[in-house]
C-alpha atoms as a PDB file:
ATOM      1  CA  UNK A   1       0.017  -0.068  -0.138  1.00  0.00           C
ATOM      2  CA  UNK A   2       1.219   3.058  -1.038  1.00  0.00           C
ATOM      3  CA  UNK A   3       1.140   5.951   1.714  1.00  0.00           C
ATOM      4  CA  UNK A   4       1.381   9.785   0.624  1.00  0.00           C
ATOM      5  CA  UNK A   5       3.462  12.082   2.366  1.00  0.00           C
ATOM      6  CA  UNK A   6       0.556  13.984   3.729  1.00  0.00           C
ATOM      7  CA  UNK A   7      -1.144  10.978   4.640  1.00  0.00           C
ATOM      8  CA  UNK A   8       1.588   9.952   6.516  1.00  0.00           C
ATOM      9  CA  UNK A   9       2.320  13.056   7.977  1.00  0.00           C
ATOM     10  CA  UNK A  10      -1.560  13.887   8.891  1.00  0.00           C
ATOM     11  CA  UNK A  11      -1.991  11.734  11.976  1.00  0.00           C
ATOM     12  CA  UNK A  12       1.497  13.304  13.460  1.00  0.00           C
ATOM     13  CA  UNK A  13       0.145  17.074  12.430  1.00  0.00           C
ATOM     14  CA  UNK A  14      -3.046  16.467  14.338  1.00  0.00           C
ATOM     15  CA  UNK A  15      -1.366  14.705  17.523  1.00  0.00           C
ATOM     16  CA  UNK A  16       1.121  17.806  17.810  1.00  0.00           C
ATOM     17  CA  UNK A  17      -1.758  20.676  17.056  1.00  0.00           C
ATOM     18  CA  UNK A  18      -3.894  18.696  20.138  1.00  0.00           C
ATOM     19  CA  UNK A  19      -0.735  18.482  22.164  1.00  0.00           C
ATOM     20  CA  UNK A  20       0.051  21.938  21.603  1.00  0.00           C
ATOM     21  CA  UNK A  21      -3.754  23.461  22.265  1.00  0.00           C
ATOM     22  CA  UNK A  22      -4.165  21.306  25.769  1.00  0.00           C
ATOM     23  CA  UNK A  23      -0.620  22.185  26.900  1.00  0.00           C
ATOM     24  CA  UNK A  24      -1.544  25.919  27.097  1.00  0.00           C
ATOM     25  CA  UNK A  25       0.572  27.057  24.032  1.00  0.00           C
ATOM     26  CA  UNK A  26      -0.697  29.752  21.539  1.00  0.00           C
ATOM     27  CA  UNK A  27       0.320  29.469  18.002  1.00  0.00           C
ATOM     28  CA  UNK A  28       1.013  32.481  15.366  1.00  0.00           C
ATOM     29  CA  UNK A  29       2.524  32.531  12.040  1.00  0.00           C
ATOM     30  CA  UNK A  30       4.576  34.811  10.068  1.00  0.00           C
ATOM     31  CA  UNK A  31       6.302  34.916   6.411  1.00  0.00           C
ATOM     32  CA  UNK A  32      10.015  33.809   7.192  1.00  0.00           C
ATOM     33  CA  UNK A  33      12.635  36.692   6.518  1.00  0.00           C
ATOM     34  CA  UNK A  34      14.163  36.473   2.776  1.00  0.00           C
ATOM     35  CA  UNK A  35      17.228  34.157   2.373  1.00  0.00           C
ATOM     36  CA  UNK A  36      15.508  31.555   4.870  1.00  0.00           C
ATOM     37  CA  UNK A  37      17.082  28.022   3.919  1.00  0.00           C
ATOM     38  CA  UNK A  38      13.783  26.019   4.652  1.00  0.00           C
ATOM     39  CA  UNK A  39      11.780  28.324   2.034  1.00  0.00           C
ATOM     40  CA  UNK A  40      14.661  27.178  -0.532  1.00  0.00           C
ATOM     41  CA  UNK A  41      14.077  23.861   0.166  1.00  0.00           C
ATOM     42  CA  UNK A  42      10.215  24.121   0.102  1.00  0.00           C
ATOM     43  CA  UNK A  43      10.698  25.972  -3.523  1.00  0.00           C
ATOM     44  CA  UNK A  44      13.172  22.918  -4.717  1.00  0.00           C
ATOM     45  CA  UNK A  45      10.170  20.253  -3.283  1.00  0.00           C
ATOM     46  CA  UNK A  46       7.335  22.258  -5.477  1.00  0.00           C
ATOM     47  CA  UNK A  47       9.942  22.401  -8.207  1.00  0.00           C
ATOM     48  CA  UNK A  48      10.180  18.492  -8.151  1.00  0.00           C
ATOM     49  CA  UNK A  49       6.287  18.222  -7.607  1.00  0.00           C
ATOM     50  CA  UNK A  50       6.041  20.424 -10.877  1.00  0.00           C
ATOM     51  CA  UNK A  51       8.619  18.319 -12.652  1.00  0.00           C
ATOM     52  CA  UNK A  52       7.288  14.783 -11.238  1.00  0.00           C
ATOM     53  CA  UNK A  53       3.453  15.720 -12.813  1.00  0.00           C
ATOM     54  CA  UNK A  54       4.732  16.551 -16.231  1.00  0.00           C
ATOM     55  CA  UNK A  55       7.654  13.572 -16.919  1.00  0.00           C
ATOM     56  CA  UNK A  56       8.302  14.800 -20.821  1.00  0.00           C
ATOM     57  CA  UNK A  57      10.706  16.464 -22.706  1.00  0.00           C
ATOM     58  CA  UNK A  58      11.722  19.792 -21.980  1.00  0.00           C
ATOM     59  CA  UNK A  59      10.463  21.025 -25.136  1.00  0.00           C
ATOM     60  CA  UNK A  60       7.130  19.639 -24.280  1.00  0.00           C
ATOM     61  CA  UNK A  61       4.221  22.545 -23.386  1.00  0.00           C
ATOM     62  CA  UNK A  62       3.823  20.924 -20.011  1.00  0.00           C
ATOM     63  CA  UNK A  63       7.350  21.074 -19.067  1.00  0.00           C
ATOM     64  CA  UNK A  64       7.461  24.693 -20.573  1.00  0.00           C
ATOM     65  CA  UNK A  65       4.710  25.316 -18.213  1.00  0.00           C
ATOM     66  CA  UNK A  66       6.047  23.844 -15.113  1.00  0.00           C
ATOM     67  CA  UNK A  67       9.085  25.945 -15.874  1.00  0.00           C
ATOM     68  CA  UNK A  68       6.857  29.153 -16.180  1.00  0.00           C
ATOM     69  CA  UNK A  69       5.642  28.167 -12.935  1.00  0.00           C
ATOM     70  CA  UNK A  70       8.574  28.253 -10.895  1.00  0.00           C
ATOM     71  CA  UNK A  71      10.255  31.079 -12.651  1.00  0.00           C
ATOM     72  CA  UNK A  72      12.929  29.221 -14.485  1.00  0.00           C
ATOM     73  CA  UNK A  73      13.596  28.244 -18.026  1.00  0.00           C
ATOM     74  CA  UNK A  74      12.665  24.123 -19.032  1.00  0.00           C
ATOM     75  CA  UNK A  75      16.597  23.791 -19.087  1.00  0.00           C
ATOM     76  CA  UNK A  76      16.775  25.076 -15.797  1.00  0.00           C
ATOM     77  CA  UNK A  77      14.190  22.092 -14.507  1.00  0.00           C
ATOM     78  CA  UNK A  78      16.813  18.996 -14.702  1.00  0.00           C
ATOM     79  CA  UNK A  79      19.701  20.998 -12.472  1.00  0.00           C
ATOM     80  CA  UNK A  80      16.830  21.772  -9.872  1.00  0.00           C
ATOM     81  CA  UNK A  81      15.793  18.380 -10.301  1.00  0.00           C
ATOM     82  CA  UNK A  82      19.672  17.060  -9.385  1.00  0.00           C
ATOM     83  CA  UNK A  83      19.963  19.811  -6.738  1.00  0.00           C
ATOM     84  CA  UNK A  84      16.657  18.514  -5.022  1.00  0.00           C
ATOM     85  CA  UNK A  85      17.670  15.026  -5.550  1.00  0.00           C
ATOM     86  CA  UNK A  86      20.845  15.621  -3.461  1.00  0.00           C
ATOM     87  CA  UNK A  87      19.915  17.606  -0.837  1.00  0.00           C
ATOM     88  CA  UNK A  88      16.891  15.343  -0.047  1.00  0.00           C
ATOM     89  CA  UNK A  89      19.539  12.337   0.403  1.00  0.00           C
ATOM     90  CA  UNK A  90      21.393  14.111   2.454  1.00  0.00           C
ATOM     91  CA  UNK A  91      18.453  15.225   4.408  1.00  0.00           C
ATOM     92  CA  UNK A  92      17.072  11.823   4.756  1.00  0.00           C
ATOM     93  CA  UNK A  93      20.288  10.737   5.859  1.00  0.00           C
ATOM     94  CA  UNK A  94      20.546  13.390   8.631  1.00  0.00           C
ATOM     95  CA  UNK A  95      17.206  12.547   9.797  1.00  0.00           C
ATOM     96  CA  UNK A  96      17.589   8.725  10.211  1.00  0.00           C
ATOM     97  CA  UNK A  97      20.383   9.805  12.515  1.00  0.00           C
ATOM     98  CA  UNK A  98      18.498  11.979  14.510  1.00  0.00           C
ATOM     99  CA  UNK A  99      15.656   9.568  14.630  1.00  0.00           C
ATOM    100  CA  UNK A 100      17.837   6.349  15.878  1.00  0.00           C
ATOM    101  CA  UNK A 101      19.608   9.177  18.250  1.00  0.00           C
ATOM    102  CA  UNK A 102      15.886   9.942  19.652  1.00  0.00           C
ATOM    103  CA  UNK A 103      14.858   6.376  19.579  1.00  0.00           C
ATOM    104  CA  UNK A 104      17.991   5.283  21.667  1.00  0.00           C
ATOM    105  CA  UNK A 105      17.572   8.207  24.227  1.00  0.00           C
ATOM    106  CA  UNK A 106      13.645   6.905  24.542  1.00  0.00           C
ATOM    107  CA  UNK A 107      14.462   3.372  25.087  1.00  0.00           C
ATOM    108  CA  UNK A 108      17.014   4.349  27.587  1.00  0.00           C
ATOM    109  CA  UNK A 109      14.558   6.467  28.981  1.00  0.00           C
ATOM    110  CA  UNK A 110      16.855   9.833  29.290  1.00  0.00           C
ATOM    111  CA  UNK A 111      16.523  13.227  28.310  1.00  0.00           C
ATOM    112  CA  UNK A 112      17.701  13.974  24.687  1.00  0.00           C
ATOM    113  CA  UNK A 113      20.837  16.265  24.756  1.00  0.00           C
ATOM    114  CA  UNK A 114      19.556  19.964  23.780  1.00  0.00           C
ATOM    115  CA  UNK A 115      22.874  20.538  22.245  1.00  0.00           C
ATOM    116  CA  UNK A 116      22.760  17.381  20.189  1.00  0.00           C
ATOM    117  CA  UNK A 117      19.268  18.177  18.821  1.00  0.00           C
ATOM    118  CA  UNK A 118      20.536  21.909  18.167  1.00  0.00           C
ATOM    119  CA  UNK A 119      23.524  20.368  16.176  1.00  0.00           C
ATOM    120  CA  UNK A 120      21.099  18.140  14.441  1.00  0.00           C
ATOM    121  CA  UNK A 121      19.466  21.192  12.971  1.00  0.00           C
ATOM    122  CA  UNK A 122      22.438  23.537  12.211  1.00  0.00           C
ATOM    123  CA  UNK A 123      23.766  20.418   9.857  1.00  0.00           C
ATOM    124  CA  UNK A 124      20.341  20.581   8.304  1.00  0.00           C
ATOM    125  CA  UNK A 125      21.001  24.486   7.695  1.00  0.00           C
ATOM    126  CA  UNK A 126      24.090  23.435   6.233  1.00  0.00           C
ATOM    127  CA  UNK A 127      22.842  21.174   3.829  1.00  0.00           C
ATOM    128  CA  UNK A 128      20.319  23.719   2.521  1.00  0.00           C
ATOM    129  CA  UNK A 129      22.829  26.262   2.277  1.00  0.00           C
ATOM    130  CA  UNK A 130      25.173  24.258   0.582  1.00  0.00           C
ATOM    131  CA  UNK A 131      22.314  23.252  -1.993  1.00  0.00           C
ATOM    132  CA  UNK A 132      21.740  27.215  -2.363  1.00  0.00           C
ATOM    133  CA  UNK A 133      25.231  27.692  -3.243  1.00  0.00           C
ATOM    134  CA  UNK A 134      25.549  24.347  -5.315  1.00  0.00           C
ATOM    135  CA  UNK A 135      22.251  26.095  -7.212  1.00  0.00           C
ATOM    136  CA  UNK A 136      23.809  29.375  -7.637  1.00  0.00           C
ATOM    137  CA  UNK A 137      27.043  27.516  -9.123  1.00  0.00           C
ATOM    138  CA  UNK A 138      25.184  25.843 -11.826  1.00  0.00           C
ATOM    139  CA  UNK A 139      22.681  28.126 -13.039  1.00  0.00           C
ATOM    140  CA  UNK A 140      23.705  30.757 -15.278  1.00  0.00           C
ATOM    141  CA  UNK A 141      23.915  34.283 -13.363  1.00  0.00           C
ATOM    142  CA  UNK A 142      20.830  35.654 -15.019  1.00  0.00           C
ATOM    143  CA  UNK A 143      18.810  32.414 -14.101  1.00  0.00           C
ATOM    144  CA  UNK A 144      20.502  32.212 -10.873  1.00  0.00           C
ATOM    145  CA  UNK A 145      18.963  36.133 -10.056  1.00  0.00           C
ATOM    146  CA  UNK A 146      15.455  35.396 -11.420  1.00  0.00           C
ATOM    147  CA  UNK A 147      15.134  32.533  -9.473  1.00  0.00           C
ATOM    148  CA  UNK A 148      16.407  34.329  -6.237  1.00  0.00           C
ATOM    149  CA  UNK A 149      14.232  37.016  -6.859  1.00  0.00           C
ATOM    150  CA  UNK A 150      11.389  35.116  -6.872  1.00  0.00           C
ATOM    151  CA  UNK A 151      12.013  32.524  -3.965  1.00  0.00           C
ATOM    152  CA  UNK A 152      12.672  35.566  -1.744  1.00  0.00           C
ATOM    153  CA  UNK A 153       9.995  37.501  -2.881  1.00  0.00           C
ATOM    154  CA  UNK A 154       6.779  36.179  -4.222  1.00  0.00           C
ATOM    155  CA  UNK A 155       7.070  32.564  -3.417  1.00  0.00           C
ATOM    156  CA  UNK A 156       8.315  33.596   0.153  1.00  0.00           C
ATOM    157  CA  UNK A 157       5.217  35.609   0.807  1.00  0.00           C
ATOM    158  CA  UNK A 158       3.014  32.630   0.409  1.00  0.00           C
ATOM    159  CA  UNK A 159       5.140  30.738   2.995  1.00  0.00           C
ATOM    160  CA  UNK A 160       4.089  30.648   6.811  1.00  0.00           C
ATOM    161  CA  UNK A 161       5.983  29.839   9.902  1.00  0.00           C
ATOM    162  CA  UNK A 162       4.361  28.630  13.090  1.00  0.00           C
ATOM    163  CA  UNK A 163       5.872  29.928  16.175  1.00  0.00           C
ATOM    164  CA  UNK A 164       4.203  28.303  19.741  1.00  0.00           C
ATOM    165  CA  UNK A 165       4.360  30.372  22.747  1.00  0.00           C
ATOM    166  CA  UNK A 166       3.452  29.225  26.124  1.00  0.00           C
ATOM    167  CA  UNK A 167       0.194  30.896  27.607  1.00  0.00           C
ATOM    168  CA  UNK A 168       1.155  30.217  31.114  1.00  0.00           C
ATOM    169  CA  UNK A 169       2.554  32.771  33.438  1.00  0.00           C
ATOM    170  CA  UNK A 170       6.541  33.389  33.138  1.00  0.00           C
END
């Protein structure tokens, strides 16, 4: 049975929301700042989805439409797809390492080391920043500028980050 990413994450999202709501936390959303590595990765994922939905030759109208939707040329789609695959593989390896650490910590009934968890996040950011630099090196200057302007402009304006804050007394 094939499980979609949405289906796999939906129970976790619902459980998280219930926990946060019942634990006395409030939630707010904001638009991330320009240059945010997570926004860049979201752009790569959406480009991958657009390419996956239209697996046809670069010259096809479907690929041209996918490229226009992501504000790149059809020729740039292959470059973006390669950067996405490399980045996703690196993040998957890091996630596996982090999950193993968490599982071992839970099994040992000990408290996770906050420094180690922060290190996992810092390494994720490094992976995303390296992907950003890799894409910059692979695209021409004009394509890179156009892509970065779109990511930091219109694309970013549609991204919301959530922040949870304790409602209790401090």
